[in-house]
Amino acid sequence: MAKKGSLREFQAHLATRLAGANNQSAAGLLGIQSGTDCWLLNLSDSGEIIPLPPLTSVPLTKPWFVGIANIRGNLYSVADFSAFQSKDATPQNPSSRLLLIGTRHGNNAALLVTRMLGLRNMDDLTAVTADPDSPVWATEAFTDNEGRRWKLLNVRRLLADENFMDIGV
Protein backbone atom coordinates (compact mmCIF):
# COMPACT_ATOMS: atom_id res chain seq x y z
CA MET A 1 0.00 0.00 0.00
CA ALA A 2 2.82 2.41 0.74
CA LYS A 3 4.05 2.08 -2.81
CA LYS A 4 0.65 3.06 -4.24
CA GLY A 5 0.63 6.19 -2.10
CA SER A 6 4.16 7.04 -3.17
CA LEU A 7 3.27 6.49 -6.80
CA ARG A 8 0.26 8.79 -6.50
CA GLU A 9 2.40 11.45 -4.81
CA PHE A 10 5.04 11.09 -7.51
CA GLN A 11 2.45 11.42 -10.28
CA ALA A 12 0.90 14.48 -8.63
CA HIS A 13 4.34 16.03 -8.19
CA LEU A 14 5.25 15.28 -11.82
CA ALA A 15 1.96 16.71 -13.10
CA THR A 16 2.56 19.91 -11.12
CA ARG A 17 6.10 20.26 -12.50
CA LEU A 18 4.94 19.66 -16.07
CA ALA A 19 2.19 22.24 -15.75
CA GLY A 20 4.74 24.74 -14.42
CA ALA A 21 7.12 23.99 -17.29
CA ASN A 22 4.33 24.53 -19.83
CA ASN A 23 3.47 27.89 -18.26
CA GLN A 24 7.11 28.98 -18.36
CA SER A 25 7.49 27.94 -22.00
CA ALA A 26 4.43 29.93 -23.02
CA ALA A 27 5.98 33.11 -21.65
CA GLY A 28 9.58 32.17 -22.46
CA LEU A 29 12.13 33.31 -24.96
CA LEU A 30 15.38 31.72 -26.04
CA GLY A 31 18.49 33.79 -25.42
CA ILE A 32 21.46 33.56 -27.76
CA GLN A 33 24.70 35.45 -28.15
CA SER A 34 25.84 36.52 -31.59
CA GLY A 35 29.19 38.25 -31.45
CA THR A 36 28.85 40.60 -28.48
CA ASP A 37 25.08 41.08 -28.90
CA CYS A 38 22.38 39.31 -26.89
CA TRP A 39 19.32 38.22 -28.85
CA LEU A 40 15.93 36.78 -27.95
CA LEU A 41 13.76 34.51 -30.09
CA ASN A 42 10.26 33.32 -29.42
CA LEU A 43 10.44 29.66 -28.51
CA SER A 44 7.98 28.82 -31.27
CA ASP A 45 10.42 30.29 -33.82
CA SER A 46 13.67 29.11 -32.29
CA GLY A 47 13.83 25.65 -33.83
CA GLU A 48 16.39 23.04 -32.93
CA ILE A 49 19.77 23.91 -31.43
CA ILE A 50 22.70 21.69 -32.33
CA PRO A 51 26.47 21.66 -31.85
CA LEU A 52 28.34 22.90 -34.89
CA PRO A 53 28.58 20.08 -37.45
CA PRO A 54 31.10 20.03 -40.32
CA LEU A 55 30.24 22.70 -42.89
CA THR A 56 30.77 22.49 -46.62
CA SER A 57 31.75 25.83 -48.11
CA VAL A 58 29.95 27.14 -51.17
CA PRO A 59 31.93 29.17 -53.71
CA LEU A 60 30.78 32.55 -54.98
CA THR A 61 28.73 33.39 -51.88
CA LYS A 62 28.88 36.33 -49.53
CA PRO A 63 31.38 36.11 -46.66
CA TRP A 64 28.65 35.73 -44.03
CA PHE A 65 27.30 32.60 -45.74
CA VAL A 66 29.49 29.97 -44.12
CA GLY A 67 28.22 26.94 -46.00
CA ILE A 68 25.91 23.96 -46.05
CA ALA A 69 25.38 21.52 -43.17
CA ASN A 70 24.03 18.00 -43.50
CA ILE A 71 21.77 17.44 -40.50
CA ARG A 72 20.24 13.96 -40.40
CA GLY A 73 20.14 13.80 -44.20
CA ASN A 74 18.70 17.30 -44.71
CA LEU A 75 20.80 20.15 -46.10
CA TYR A 76 20.68 23.48 -44.25
CA SER A 77 22.11 26.78 -45.46
CA VAL A 78 24.19 28.30 -42.68
CA ALA A 79 24.58 32.04 -42.18
CA ASP A 80 26.97 33.55 -39.65
CA PHE A 81 24.49 35.82 -37.87
CA SER A 82 27.16 38.20 -36.56
CA ALA A 83 28.92 38.53 -39.93
CA PHE A 84 25.54 39.02 -41.66
CA GLN A 85 25.14 42.14 -39.51
CA SER A 86 28.58 43.39 -40.70
CA LYS A 87 30.22 42.53 -37.38
CA ASP A 88 33.06 40.14 -36.55
CA ALA A 89 32.76 36.58 -37.83
CA THR A 90 31.63 33.99 -35.30
CA PRO A 91 34.47 31.72 -34.20
CA GLN A 92 33.76 28.09 -35.02
CA ASN A 93 34.59 26.39 -31.74
CA PRO A 94 32.97 23.93 -29.28
CA SER A 95 30.68 26.60 -27.79
CA SER A 96 29.35 27.71 -31.21
CA ARG A 97 25.88 26.47 -32.07
CA LEU A 98 23.61 26.17 -35.06
CA LEU A 99 20.09 27.41 -34.58
CA LEU A 100 17.79 25.81 -37.15
CA ILE A 101 15.36 28.68 -37.66
CA GLY A 102 13.73 28.03 -40.99
CA THR A 103 12.18 24.59 -40.60
CA ARG A 104 8.92 25.86 -39.14
CA HIS A 105 8.64 28.35 -42.00
CA GLY A 106 9.41 25.89 -44.81
CA ASN A 107 13.03 26.97 -45.21
CA ASN A 108 16.14 24.97 -44.27
CA ALA A 109 18.07 27.92 -42.86
CA ALA A 110 20.37 27.91 -39.85
CA LEU A 111 22.17 30.64 -37.95
CA LEU A 112 25.69 30.19 -36.65
CA VAL A 113 25.76 31.86 -33.23
CA THR A 114 28.44 32.31 -30.59
CA ARG A 115 26.58 30.46 -27.85
CA MET A 116 23.24 29.77 -26.22
CA LEU A 117 22.26 31.84 -23.19
CA GLY A 118 19.24 29.80 -22.11
CA LEU A 119 15.60 30.59 -21.54
CA ARG A 120 14.41 34.03 -20.54
CA ASN A 121 11.05 34.97 -19.13
CA MET A 122 9.29 37.99 -20.64
CA ASP A 123 8.25 39.07 -17.13
CA ASP A 124 11.93 39.67 -16.26
CA LEU A 125 12.48 42.07 -19.18
CA THR A 126 11.71 45.74 -19.65
CA ALA A 127 10.94 47.12 -23.09
CA VAL A 128 13.27 49.88 -24.28
CA THR A 129 13.47 51.92 -27.45
CA ALA A 130 15.13 50.00 -30.24
CA ASP A 131 17.84 51.55 -32.37
CA PRO A 132 16.04 53.55 -35.09
CA ASP A 133 18.45 52.10 -37.68
CA SER A 134 17.51 48.52 -36.77
CA PRO A 135 16.45 46.26 -39.62
CA VAL A 136 12.79 45.24 -39.82
CA TRP A 137 13.61 41.89 -38.19
CA ALA A 138 15.02 43.57 -35.05
CA THR A 139 12.65 46.40 -34.11
CA GLU A 140 12.11 45.45 -30.45
CA ALA A 141 14.62 45.71 -27.61
CA PHE A 142 14.64 44.95 -23.89
CA THR A 143 16.84 45.14 -20.83
CA ASP A 144 17.01 42.59 -18.07
CA ASN A 145 17.46 43.16 -14.34
CA GLU A 146 21.26 42.84 -14.80
CA GLY A 147 21.29 45.76 -17.24
CA ARG A 148 21.99 43.67 -20.35
CA ARG A 149 20.39 44.84 -23.57
CA TRP A 150 18.54 42.25 -25.65
CA LYS A 151 17.23 42.52 -29.19
CA LEU A 152 14.21 40.49 -30.26
CA LEU A 153 14.78 38.58 -33.50
CA ASN A 154 11.71 38.25 -35.67
CA VAL A 155 12.57 35.05 -37.56
CA ARG A 156 9.77 35.34 -40.09
CA ARG A 157 10.92 38.84 -41.10
CA LEU A 158 14.57 37.74 -41.24
CA LEU A 159 13.68 34.90 -43.59
CA ALA A 160 11.74 37.35 -45.77
CA ASP A 161 14.63 39.85 -45.88
CA GLU A 162 16.02 40.04 -49.43
CA ASN A 163 19.54 40.69 -48.08
CA PHE A 164 19.42 37.50 -46.00
CA MET A 165 18.08 35.37 -48.84
CA ASP A 166 20.55 36.73 -51.45
CA ILE A 167 23.76 34.79 -50.72
CA GLY A 168 25.44 35.18 -54.12
CA VAL A 169 28.24 37.65 -54.77
C-alpha atoms as a PDB file:
ATOM      1  CA  MET A   1       0.000   0.000   0.000  1.00  0.00           C
ATOM      2  CA  ALA A   2       2.817   2.415   0.741  1.00  0.00           C
ATOM      3  CA  LYS A   3       4.046   2.076  -2.807  1.00  0.00           C
ATOM      4  CA  LYS A   4       0.650   3.055  -4.240  1.00  0.00           C
ATOM      5  CA  GLY A   5       0.629   6.187  -2.096  1.00  0.00           C
ATOM      6  CA  SER A   6       4.158   7.039  -3.170  1.00  0.00           C
ATOM      7  CA  LEU A   7       3.270   6.489  -6.805  1.00  0.00           C
ATOM      8  CA  ARG A   8       0.264   8.794  -6.500  1.00  0.00           C
ATOM      9  CA  GLU A   9       2.399  11.446  -4.813  1.00  0.00           C
ATOM     10  CA  PHE A  10       5.036  11.092  -7.509  1.00  0.00           C
ATOM     11  CA  GLN A  11       2.450  11.417 -10.283  1.00  0.00           C
ATOM     12  CA  ALA A  12       0.898  14.479  -8.635  1.00  0.00           C
ATOM     13  CA  HIS A  13       4.336  16.034  -8.192  1.00  0.00           C
ATOM     14  CA  LEU A  14       5.248  15.280 -11.825  1.00  0.00           C
ATOM     15  CA  ALA A  15       1.956  16.709 -13.104  1.00  0.00           C
ATOM     16  CA  THR A  16       2.563  19.915 -11.121  1.00  0.00           C
ATOM     17  CA  ARG A  17       6.096  20.265 -12.498  1.00  0.00           C
ATOM     18  CA  LEU A  18       4.944  19.655 -16.073  1.00  0.00           C
ATOM     19  CA  ALA A  19       2.192  22.237 -15.749  1.00  0.00           C
ATOM     20  CA  GLY A  20       4.744  24.737 -14.421  1.00  0.00           C
ATOM     21  CA  ALA A  21       7.115  23.986 -17.294  1.00  0.00           C
ATOM     22  CA  ASN A  22       4.332  24.528 -19.833  1.00  0.00           C
ATOM     23  CA  ASN A  23       3.467  27.885 -18.262  1.00  0.00           C
ATOM     24  CA  GLN A  24       7.108  28.983 -18.360  1.00  0.00           C
ATOM     25  CA  SER A  25       7.494  27.940 -22.001  1.00  0.00           C
ATOM     26  CA  ALA A  26       4.434  29.930 -23.019  1.00  0.00           C
ATOM     27  CA  ALA A  27       5.983  33.113 -21.650  1.00  0.00           C
ATOM     28  CA  GLY A  28       9.576  32.170 -22.461  1.00  0.00           C
ATOM     29  CA  LEU A  29      12.133  33.308 -24.955  1.00  0.00           C
ATOM     30  CA  LEU A  30      15.382  31.720 -26.044  1.00  0.00           C
ATOM     31  CA  GLY A  31      18.491  33.793 -25.416  1.00  0.00           C
ATOM     32  CA  ILE A  32      21.462  33.564 -27.765  1.00  0.00           C
ATOM     33  CA  GLN A  33      24.704  35.451 -28.152  1.00  0.00           C
ATOM     34  CA  SER A  34      25.840  36.518 -31.593  1.00  0.00           C
ATOM     35  CA  GLY A  35      29.187  38.251 -31.453  1.00  0.00           C
ATOM     36  CA  THR A  36      28.854  40.600 -28.480  1.00  0.00           C
ATOM     37  CA  ASP A  37      25.085  41.075 -28.898  1.00  0.00           C
ATOM     38  CA  CYS A  38      22.385  39.313 -26.893  1.00  0.00           C
ATOM     39  CA  TRP A  39      19.321  38.224 -28.850  1.00  0.00           C
ATOM     40  CA  LEU A  40      15.931  36.780 -27.953  1.00  0.00           C
ATOM     41  CA  LEU A  41      13.761  34.508 -30.086  1.00  0.00           C
ATOM     42  CA  ASN A  42      10.259  33.320 -29.417  1.00  0.00           C
ATOM     43  CA  LEU A  43      10.444  29.658 -28.507  1.00  0.00           C
ATOM     44  CA  SER A  44       7.976  28.821 -31.268  1.00  0.00           C
ATOM     45  CA  ASP A  45      10.422  30.288 -33.821  1.00  0.00           C
ATOM     46  CA  SER A  46      13.672  29.115 -32.289  1.00  0.00           C
ATOM     47  CA  GLY A  47      13.831  25.649 -33.829  1.00  0.00           C
ATOM     48  CA  GLU A  48      16.390  23.042 -32.926  1.00  0.00           C
ATOM     49  CA  ILE A  49      19.774  23.915 -31.427  1.00  0.00           C
ATOM     50  CA  ILE A  50      22.701  21.689 -32.328  1.00  0.00           C
ATOM     51  CA  PRO A  51      26.473  21.658 -31.847  1.00  0.00           C
ATOM     52  CA  LEU A  52      28.337  22.905 -34.887  1.00  0.00           C
ATOM     53  CA  PRO A  53      28.585  20.083 -37.452  1.00  0.00           C
ATOM     54  CA  PRO A  54      31.098  20.029 -40.316  1.00  0.00           C
ATOM     55  CA  LEU A  55      30.236  22.699 -42.887  1.00  0.00           C
ATOM     56  CA  THR A  56      30.774  22.492 -46.622  1.00  0.00           C
ATOM     57  CA  SER A  57      31.749  25.833 -48.109  1.00  0.00           C
ATOM     58  CA  VAL A  58      29.952  27.140 -51.168  1.00  0.00           C
ATOM     59  CA  PRO A  59      31.931  29.168 -53.711  1.00  0.00           C
ATOM     60  CA  LEU A  60      30.782  32.553 -54.981  1.00  0.00           C
ATOM     61  CA  THR A  61      28.733  33.385 -51.884  1.00  0.00           C
ATOM     62  CA  LYS A  62      28.877  36.332 -49.526  1.00  0.00           C
ATOM     63  CA  PRO A  63      31.384  36.108 -46.657  1.00  0.00           C
ATOM     64  CA  TRP A  64      28.650  35.729 -44.030  1.00  0.00           C
ATOM     65  CA  PHE A  65      27.300  32.601 -45.743  1.00  0.00           C
ATOM     66  CA  VAL A  66      29.495  29.967 -44.119  1.00  0.00           C
ATOM     67  CA  GLY A  67      28.222  26.943 -45.997  1.00  0.00           C
ATOM     68  CA  ILE A  68      25.914  23.962 -46.048  1.00  0.00           C
ATOM     69  CA  ALA A  69      25.377  21.522 -43.168  1.00  0.00           C
ATOM     70  CA  ASN A  70      24.025  18.001 -43.501  1.00  0.00           C
ATOM     71  CA  ILE A  71      21.771  17.435 -40.504  1.00  0.00           C
ATOM     72  CA  ARG A  72      20.240  13.964 -40.398  1.00  0.00           C
ATOM     73  CA  GLY A  73      20.136  13.800 -44.197  1.00  0.00           C
ATOM     74  CA  ASN A  74      18.703  17.303 -44.708  1.00  0.00           C
ATOM     75  CA  LEU A  75      20.800  20.146 -46.096  1.00  0.00           C
ATOM     76  CA  TYR A  76      20.684  23.477 -44.255  1.00  0.00           C
ATOM     77  CA  SER A  77      22.107  26.778 -45.464  1.00  0.00           C
ATOM     78  CA  VAL A  78      24.194  28.296 -42.681  1.00  0.00           C
ATOM     79  CA  ALA A  79      24.580  32.036 -42.178  1.00  0.00           C
ATOM     80  CA  ASP A  80      26.971  33.548 -39.655  1.00  0.00           C
ATOM     81  CA  PHE A  81      24.493  35.821 -37.874  1.00  0.00           C
ATOM     82  CA  SER A  82      27.164  38.200 -36.564  1.00  0.00           C
ATOM     83  CA  ALA A  83      28.920  38.530 -39.932  1.00  0.00           C
ATOM     84  CA  PHE A  84      25.544  39.020 -41.657  1.00  0.00           C
ATOM     85  CA  GLN A  85      25.143  42.140 -39.508  1.00  0.00           C
ATOM     86  CA  SER A  86      28.581  43.393 -40.701  1.00  0.00           C
ATOM     87  CA  LYS A  87      30.224  42.533 -37.379  1.00  0.00           C
ATOM     88  CA  ASP A  88      33.064  40.139 -36.547  1.00  0.00           C
ATOM     89  CA  ALA A  89      32.757  36.580 -37.829  1.00  0.00           C
ATOM     90  CA  THR A  90      31.633  33.990 -35.304  1.00  0.00           C
ATOM     91  CA  PRO A  91      34.470  31.715 -34.204  1.00  0.00           C
ATOM     92  CA  GLN A  92      33.764  28.090 -35.023  1.00  0.00           C
ATOM     93  CA  ASN A  93      34.585  26.392 -31.737  1.00  0.00           C
ATOM     94  CA  PRO A  94      32.968  23.932 -29.284  1.00  0.00           C
ATOM     95  CA  SER A  95      30.677  26.602 -27.788  1.00  0.00           C
ATOM     96  CA  SER A  96      29.353  27.713 -31.208  1.00  0.00           C
ATOM     97  CA  ARG A  97      25.879  26.469 -32.071  1.00  0.00           C
ATOM     98  CA  LEU A  98      23.606  26.172 -35.062  1.00  0.00           C
ATOM     99  CA  LEU A  99      20.093  27.414 -34.576  1.00  0.00           C
ATOM    100  CA  LEU A 100      17.785  25.811 -37.145  1.00  0.00           C
ATOM    101  CA  ILE A 101      15.361  28.683 -37.657  1.00  0.00           C
ATOM    102  CA  GLY A 102      13.733  28.032 -40.986  1.00  0.00           C
ATOM    103  CA  THR A 103      12.181  24.588 -40.604  1.00  0.00           C
ATOM    104  CA  ARG A 104       8.916  25.863 -39.141  1.00  0.00           C
ATOM    105  CA  HIS A 105       8.642  28.353 -41.996  1.00  0.00           C
ATOM    106  CA  GLY A 106       9.413  25.889 -44.809  1.00  0.00           C
ATOM    107  CA  ASN A 107      13.029  26.966 -45.213  1.00  0.00           C
ATOM    108  CA  ASN A 108      16.141  24.970 -44.274  1.00  0.00           C
ATOM    109  CA  ALA A 109      18.067  27.916 -42.861  1.00  0.00           C
ATOM    110  CA  ALA A 110      20.372  27.910 -39.854  1.00  0.00           C
ATOM    111  CA  LEU A 111      22.168  30.640 -37.954  1.00  0.00           C
ATOM    112  CA  LEU A 112      25.687  30.187 -36.650  1.00  0.00           C
ATOM    113  CA  VAL A 113      25.763  31.859 -33.228  1.00  0.00           C
ATOM    114  CA  THR A 114      28.439  32.314 -30.586  1.00  0.00           C
ATOM    115  CA  ARG A 115      26.582  30.460 -27.845  1.00  0.00           C
ATOM    116  CA  MET A 116      23.236  29.768 -26.219  1.00  0.00           C
ATOM    117  CA  LEU A 117      22.261  31.839 -23.192  1.00  0.00           C
ATOM    118  CA  GLY A 118      19.237  29.797 -22.114  1.00  0.00           C
ATOM    119  CA  LEU A 119      15.603  30.586 -21.544  1.00  0.00           C
ATOM    120  CA  ARG A 120      14.407  34.033 -20.543  1.00  0.00           C
ATOM    121  CA  ASN A 121      11.045  34.966 -19.125  1.00  0.00           C
ATOM    122  CA  MET A 122       9.292  37.992 -20.636  1.00  0.00           C
ATOM    123  CA  ASP A 123       8.247  39.067 -17.127  1.00  0.00           C
ATOM    124  CA  ASP A 124      11.930  39.672 -16.256  1.00  0.00           C
ATOM    125  CA  LEU A 125      12.477  42.067 -19.179  1.00  0.00           C
ATOM    126  CA  THR A 126      11.709  45.743 -19.646  1.00  0.00           C
ATOM    127  CA  ALA A 127      10.936  47.124 -23.093  1.00  0.00           C
ATOM    128  CA  VAL A 128      13.270  49.882 -24.275  1.00  0.00           C
ATOM    129  CA  THR A 129      13.471  51.921 -27.445  1.00  0.00           C
ATOM    130  CA  ALA A 130      15.134  49.998 -30.240  1.00  0.00           C
ATOM    131  CA  ASP A 131      17.840  51.550 -32.369  1.00  0.00           C
ATOM    132  CA  PRO A 132      16.045  53.550 -35.090  1.00  0.00           C
ATOM    133  CA  ASP A 133      18.451  52.100 -37.683  1.00  0.00           C
ATOM    134  CA  SER A 134      17.510  48.517 -36.772  1.00  0.00           C
ATOM    135  CA  PRO A 135      16.451  46.259 -39.624  1.00  0.00           C
ATOM    136  CA  VAL A 136      12.789  45.237 -39.816  1.00  0.00           C
ATOM    137  CA  TRP A 137      13.606  41.894 -38.191  1.00  0.00           C
ATOM    138  CA  ALA A 138      15.020  43.566 -35.045  1.00  0.00           C
ATOM    139  CA  THR A 139      12.647  46.396 -34.109  1.00  0.00           C
ATOM    140  CA  GLU A 140      12.110  45.447 -30.452  1.00  0.00           C
ATOM    141  CA  ALA A 141      14.621  45.710 -27.607  1.00  0.00           C
ATOM    142  CA  PHE A 142      14.638  44.952 -23.885  1.00  0.00           C
ATOM    143  CA  THR A 143      16.839  45.144 -20.831  1.00  0.00           C
ATOM    144  CA  ASP A 144      17.005  42.590 -18.069  1.00  0.00           C
ATOM    145  CA  ASN A 145      17.459  43.156 -14.338  1.00  0.00           C
ATOM    146  CA  GLU A 146      21.257  42.844 -14.795  1.00  0.00           C
ATOM    147  CA  GLY A 147      21.290  45.761 -17.236  1.00  0.00           C
ATOM    148  CA  ARG A 148      21.991  43.675 -20.347  1.00  0.00           C
ATOM    149  CA  ARG A 149      20.394  44.840 -23.573  1.00  0.00           C
ATOM    150  CA  TRP A 150      18.540  42.248 -25.649  1.00  0.00           C
ATOM    151  CA  LYS A 151      17.226  42.524 -29.190  1.00  0.00           C
ATOM    152  CA  LEU A 152      14.209  40.494 -30.258  1.00  0.00           C
ATOM    153  CA  LEU A 153      14.784  38.584 -33.502  1.00  0.00           C
ATOM    154  CA  ASN A 154      11.709  38.248 -35.674  1.00  0.00           C
ATOM    155  CA  VAL A 155      12.567  35.055 -37.561  1.00  0.00           C
ATOM    156  CA  ARG A 156       9.767  35.345 -40.093  1.00  0.00           C
ATOM    157  CA  ARG A 157      10.923  38.841 -41.101  1.00  0.00           C
ATOM    158  CA  LEU A 158      14.567  37.740 -41.240  1.00  0.00           C
ATOM    159  CA  LEU A 159      13.681  34.898 -43.590  1.00  0.00           C
ATOM    160  CA  ALA A 160      11.743  37.354 -45.770  1.00  0.00           C
ATOM    161  CA  ASP A 161      14.632  39.852 -45.877  1.00  0.00           C
ATOM    162  CA  GLU A 162      16.023  40.038 -49.426  1.00  0.00           C
ATOM    163  CA  ASN A 163      19.542  40.689 -48.080  1.00  0.00           C
ATOM    164  CA  PHE A 164      19.422  37.500 -46.000  1.00  0.00           C
ATOM    165  CA  MET A 165      18.079  35.374 -48.840  1.00  0.00           C
ATOM    166  CA  ASP A 166      20.548  36.726 -51.448  1.00  0.00           C
ATOM    167  CA  ILE A 167      23.756  34.789 -50.725  1.00  0.00           C
ATOM    168  CA  GLY A 168      25.436  35.176 -54.122  1.00  0.00           C
ATOM    169  CA  VAL A 169      28.242  37.647 -54.773  1.00  0.00           C
END
